[in-house]
Amino acid sequence: MNEPDKPEEEGKRHGIHPILVIFGIIIGLWLFTQAIIPKSKNLQPPQGREPTSAQTRALLKAARMAPVPAIKVTAIIPDLNALSITVPPQTTDSQIVALLNSLHKARLDGTLSSMIPPTSPGNDLDEFAIADIYIFSDPKYAVREAIRILSVGAHTPGEFYSSAIPYEVAMEQVRGHYVVDLNNKERPEQASLGFSEEATGLYSRQYQPLF
């Protein structure tokens, strides 16, 4: 005869313990997110004062042999110590870097005013002690309006952006950017291919820091 069913023992669990189920779900979710979300280091633009990427090193090497392109000053904004210059449309990235290096060298040896107007005339430190220089290859964007938009930054209240040139568009049109602030003892000069706004973490697609 079959034995009668035995009553379940009180307090005895059957199946997988709930804690193991919870841990299994947590581990599964972690593995899933790791698989679908790219590592943050792949989303960050180049950082630091020294170029570290192989691409940037190759660009700097090519720039040593590249001719400095012809430039034309297209807009000056004295109250922002800013100006824009244009280069020919066919100017390469290595030529932009050569130009930035040329501007930097000219400022150091005191001849920059022979290339562009002083951005801080009468300053005791230097006539380029404060400078914000934008390089464009499309003259349509090398205008006062675009410079003002880029200089005041993306965090500016929305009413300022009734401009015909959106910030995001102007940012992508910048071929090179050279900034001087001799009051900043730690980092008196910065130059980059493309454009960056470190305060808000916005970087153009071609941004590469140079010095």
Protein backbone atom coordinates (compact mmCIF):
# COMPACT_ATOMS: atom_id res chain seq x y z
CA MET A 1 0.00 0.00 0.00
CA ASN A 2 1.09 3.50 -0.62
CA GLU A 3 2.05 5.38 2.47
CA PRO A 4 -0.15 8.36 3.26
CA ASP A 5 1.30 11.72 2.40
CA LYS A 6 3.41 13.09 5.21
CA PRO A 7 2.55 16.53 6.41
CA GLU A 8 5.14 19.19 5.53
CA GLU A 9 7.61 19.83 8.30
CA GLU A 10 6.97 23.18 9.92
CA GLY A 11 9.57 25.82 9.06
CA LYS A 12 11.20 23.82 6.26
CA ARG A 13 11.66 25.81 2.98
CA HIS A 14 11.20 24.29 -0.42
CA GLY A 15 12.88 25.61 -3.60
CA ILE A 16 15.47 28.38 -3.94
CA HIS A 17 16.02 30.62 -0.97
CA PRO A 18 14.61 34.17 -1.58
CA ILE A 19 17.94 35.79 -0.73
CA LEU A 20 19.64 33.79 -3.48
CA VAL A 21 16.94 34.94 -5.92
CA ILE A 22 17.52 38.60 -4.97
CA PHE A 23 21.29 38.27 -5.38
CA GLY A 24 20.76 36.58 -8.73
CA ILE A 25 18.60 39.47 -9.96
CA ILE A 26 21.13 42.07 -8.80
CA ILE A 27 24.03 40.30 -10.49
CA GLY A 28 21.99 39.83 -13.67
CA LEU A 29 21.10 43.53 -13.81
CA TRP A 30 24.75 44.52 -13.24
CA LEU A 31 25.94 42.27 -16.06
CA PHE A 32 23.21 43.65 -18.34
CA THR A 33 24.14 47.28 -17.70
CA GLN A 34 27.84 46.54 -18.19
CA ALA A 35 27.06 44.97 -21.55
CA ILE A 36 24.89 47.76 -22.98
CA ILE A 37 26.40 50.91 -21.44
CA PRO A 38 29.80 52.03 -22.84
CA LYS A 39 32.55 52.77 -20.37
CA SER A 40 32.60 56.38 -19.27
CA LYS A 41 36.23 56.74 -20.32
CA ASN A 42 35.11 56.28 -23.92
CA LEU A 43 32.67 59.16 -23.60
CA GLN A 44 35.11 61.71 -22.20
CA PRO A 45 37.06 64.13 -24.38
CA PRO A 46 40.83 64.35 -24.03
CA GLN A 47 41.76 65.80 -20.66
CA GLY A 48 44.81 67.36 -19.08
CA ARG A 49 47.41 69.87 -20.08
CA GLU A 50 49.53 67.53 -22.14
CA PRO A 51 48.25 65.77 -25.25
CA THR A 52 48.18 62.05 -24.58
CA SER A 53 46.42 60.46 -27.52
CA ALA A 54 48.33 59.00 -30.45
CA GLN A 55 46.11 61.02 -32.76
CA THR A 56 47.11 64.30 -31.10
CA ARG A 57 50.80 63.41 -31.10
CA ALA A 58 50.61 62.61 -34.82
CA LEU A 59 48.83 65.91 -35.43
CA LEU A 60 51.51 67.88 -33.58
CA LYS A 61 54.21 66.10 -35.55
CA ALA A 62 52.50 66.87 -38.87
CA ALA A 63 52.04 70.50 -37.84
CA ARG A 64 55.81 70.98 -37.58
CA MET A 65 56.04 70.53 -41.34
CA ALA A 66 52.73 72.18 -42.27
CA PRO A 67 52.67 75.72 -43.72
CA VAL A 68 50.94 78.38 -41.64
CA PRO A 69 47.77 79.41 -43.52
CA ALA A 70 46.95 82.97 -44.45
CA ILE A 71 44.63 84.65 -41.96
CA LYS A 72 42.15 87.51 -42.00
CA VAL A 73 40.75 89.24 -38.93
CA THR A 74 36.97 89.32 -39.34
CA ALA A 75 35.53 90.52 -36.03
CA ILE A 76 36.81 92.25 -32.89
CA ILE A 77 34.94 92.53 -29.58
CA PRO A 78 37.02 94.70 -27.22
CA ASP A 79 34.80 94.24 -24.14
CA LEU A 80 35.36 90.47 -24.36
CA ASN A 81 39.05 90.72 -25.35
CA ALA A 82 38.01 88.51 -28.23
CA LEU A 83 38.43 88.36 -31.97
CA SER A 84 37.88 85.96 -34.83
CA ILE A 85 40.09 85.13 -37.78
CA THR A 86 39.40 83.13 -40.91
CA VAL A 87 41.60 80.74 -42.84
CA PRO A 88 41.00 79.36 -46.35
CA PRO A 89 38.34 76.61 -46.51
CA GLN A 90 40.88 74.01 -47.63
CA THR A 91 43.04 74.52 -44.52
CA THR A 92 43.89 71.19 -42.91
CA ASP A 93 43.84 70.36 -39.20
CA SER A 94 47.64 70.21 -39.14
CA GLN A 95 47.75 73.73 -40.61
CA ILE A 96 45.36 74.95 -37.91
CA VAL A 97 47.73 73.52 -35.32
CA ALA A 98 50.66 75.20 -37.09
CA LEU A 99 48.77 78.50 -36.92
CA LEU A 100 48.03 78.08 -33.20
CA ASN A 101 51.70 77.35 -32.55
CA SER A 102 52.63 80.42 -34.59
CA LEU A 103 50.27 82.65 -32.57
CA HIS A 104 51.71 81.27 -29.35
CA LYS A 105 55.32 81.81 -30.44
CA ALA A 106 54.55 85.34 -31.68
CA ARG A 107 52.94 86.26 -28.36
CA LEU A 108 55.99 85.03 -26.47
CA ASP A 109 58.45 86.97 -28.60
CA GLY A 110 56.32 90.13 -28.68
CA THR A 111 55.43 90.12 -32.38
CA LEU A 112 51.81 88.97 -32.24
CA SER A 113 50.52 92.50 -32.82
CA SER A 114 52.01 92.31 -36.32
CA MET A 115 49.55 89.47 -37.05
CA ILE A 116 46.40 90.53 -35.20
CA PRO A 117 45.22 93.59 -33.23
CA PRO A 118 46.01 93.60 -29.49
CA THR A 119 43.17 92.21 -27.40
CA SER A 120 44.15 93.97 -24.17
CA PRO A 121 45.97 97.17 -25.22
CA GLY A 122 47.48 99.09 -22.33
CA ASN A 123 47.58 96.08 -20.02
CA ASP A 124 50.66 96.16 -17.79
CA LEU A 125 51.33 92.44 -18.31
CA ASP A 126 51.03 92.27 -22.09
CA GLU A 127 48.91 93.69 -24.88
CA PHE A 128 47.59 90.13 -25.25
CA ALA A 129 47.39 89.44 -21.51
CA ILE A 130 43.71 88.55 -21.95
CA ALA A 131 42.80 87.07 -25.31
CA ASP A 132 40.09 84.84 -26.71
CA ILE A 133 40.90 84.04 -30.33
CA TYR A 134 38.61 81.96 -32.55
CA ILE A 135 39.65 80.47 -35.87
CA PHE A 136 37.04 79.71 -38.53
CA SER A 137 37.22 78.58 -42.13
CA ASP A 138 33.64 79.65 -42.94
CA PRO A 139 33.37 83.46 -42.83
CA LYS A 140 29.63 83.17 -42.23
CA TYR A 141 30.40 82.16 -38.64
CA ALA A 142 33.46 84.33 -38.04
CA VAL A 143 31.26 87.22 -36.91
CA ARG A 144 30.66 89.18 -33.71
CA GLU A 145 27.39 87.38 -33.06
CA ALA A 146 29.01 83.93 -33.00
CA ILE A 147 31.89 85.12 -30.83
CA ARG A 148 29.53 86.62 -28.27
CA ILE A 149 27.50 83.42 -28.13
CA LEU A 150 30.60 81.29 -27.59
CA SER A 151 32.23 83.71 -25.15
CA VAL A 152 29.28 83.98 -22.78
CA GLY A 153 28.77 80.22 -22.79
CA ALA A 154 26.04 77.63 -23.11
CA HIS A 155 24.71 78.36 -19.61
CA THR A 156 23.42 81.78 -20.67
CA PRO A 157 19.65 82.34 -20.16
CA GLY A 158 17.52 81.24 -23.08
CA GLU A 159 16.48 84.70 -24.23
CA PHE A 160 20.03 85.36 -25.41
CA TYR A 161 19.69 82.54 -27.92
CA SER A 162 17.16 84.31 -30.07
CA SER A 163 20.29 84.63 -32.19
CA ALA A 164 20.25 83.36 -35.76
CA ILE A 165 23.37 81.31 -34.93
CA PRO A 166 22.68 78.62 -32.31
CA TYR A 167 25.45 77.95 -29.79
CA GLU A 168 25.76 74.30 -30.87
CA VAL A 169 26.22 75.31 -34.51
CA ALA A 170 28.78 78.03 -33.76
CA MET A 171 30.73 75.63 -31.53
CA GLU A 172 31.13 73.05 -34.30
CA GLN A 173 32.34 75.70 -36.75
CA VAL A 174 35.37 76.65 -34.63
CA ARG A 175 38.48 75.20 -36.26
CA GLY A 176 40.87 76.34 -33.53
CA HIS A 177 40.77 78.23 -30.25
CA TYR A 178 43.56 80.13 -28.48
CA VAL A 179 43.01 81.58 -25.01
CA VAL A 180 45.40 83.72 -22.99
CA ASP A 181 44.95 84.75 -19.36
CA LEU A 182 48.22 85.85 -17.82
CA ASN A 183 46.46 86.37 -14.49
CA ASN A 184 46.10 82.59 -14.31
CA LYS A 185 49.54 81.59 -13.09
CA GLU A 186 48.84 77.85 -13.32
CA ARG A 187 47.58 77.87 -16.89
CA PRO A 188 48.21 81.20 -18.64
CA GLU A 189 47.63 79.84 -22.16
CA GLN A 190 45.45 77.19 -23.74
CA ALA A 191 45.01 76.12 -27.34
CA SER A 192 42.93 73.44 -28.97
CA LEU A 193 41.82 72.10 -32.26
CA GLY A 194 38.08 72.62 -32.21
CA PHE A 195 36.32 74.17 -29.23
CA SER A 196 35.62 73.32 -25.61
CA GLU A 197 33.71 74.87 -22.74
CA GLU A 198 35.11 73.19 -19.66
CA ALA A 199 32.67 74.89 -17.29
CA THR A 200 29.74 73.00 -18.82
CA GLY A 201 31.62 70.02 -20.23
CA LEU A 202 30.73 70.81 -23.83
CA TYR A 203 33.20 69.83 -26.55
CA SER A 204 33.01 70.02 -30.32
CA ARG A 205 33.40 66.78 -32.26
CA GLN A 206 36.93 67.60 -33.42
CA TYR A 207 38.16 68.93 -30.06
CA GLN A 208 41.74 68.06 -29.17
CA PRO A 209 43.74 69.96 -26.54
CA LEU A 210 47.19 71.07 -27.67
CA PHE A 211 48.66 73.10 -24.81
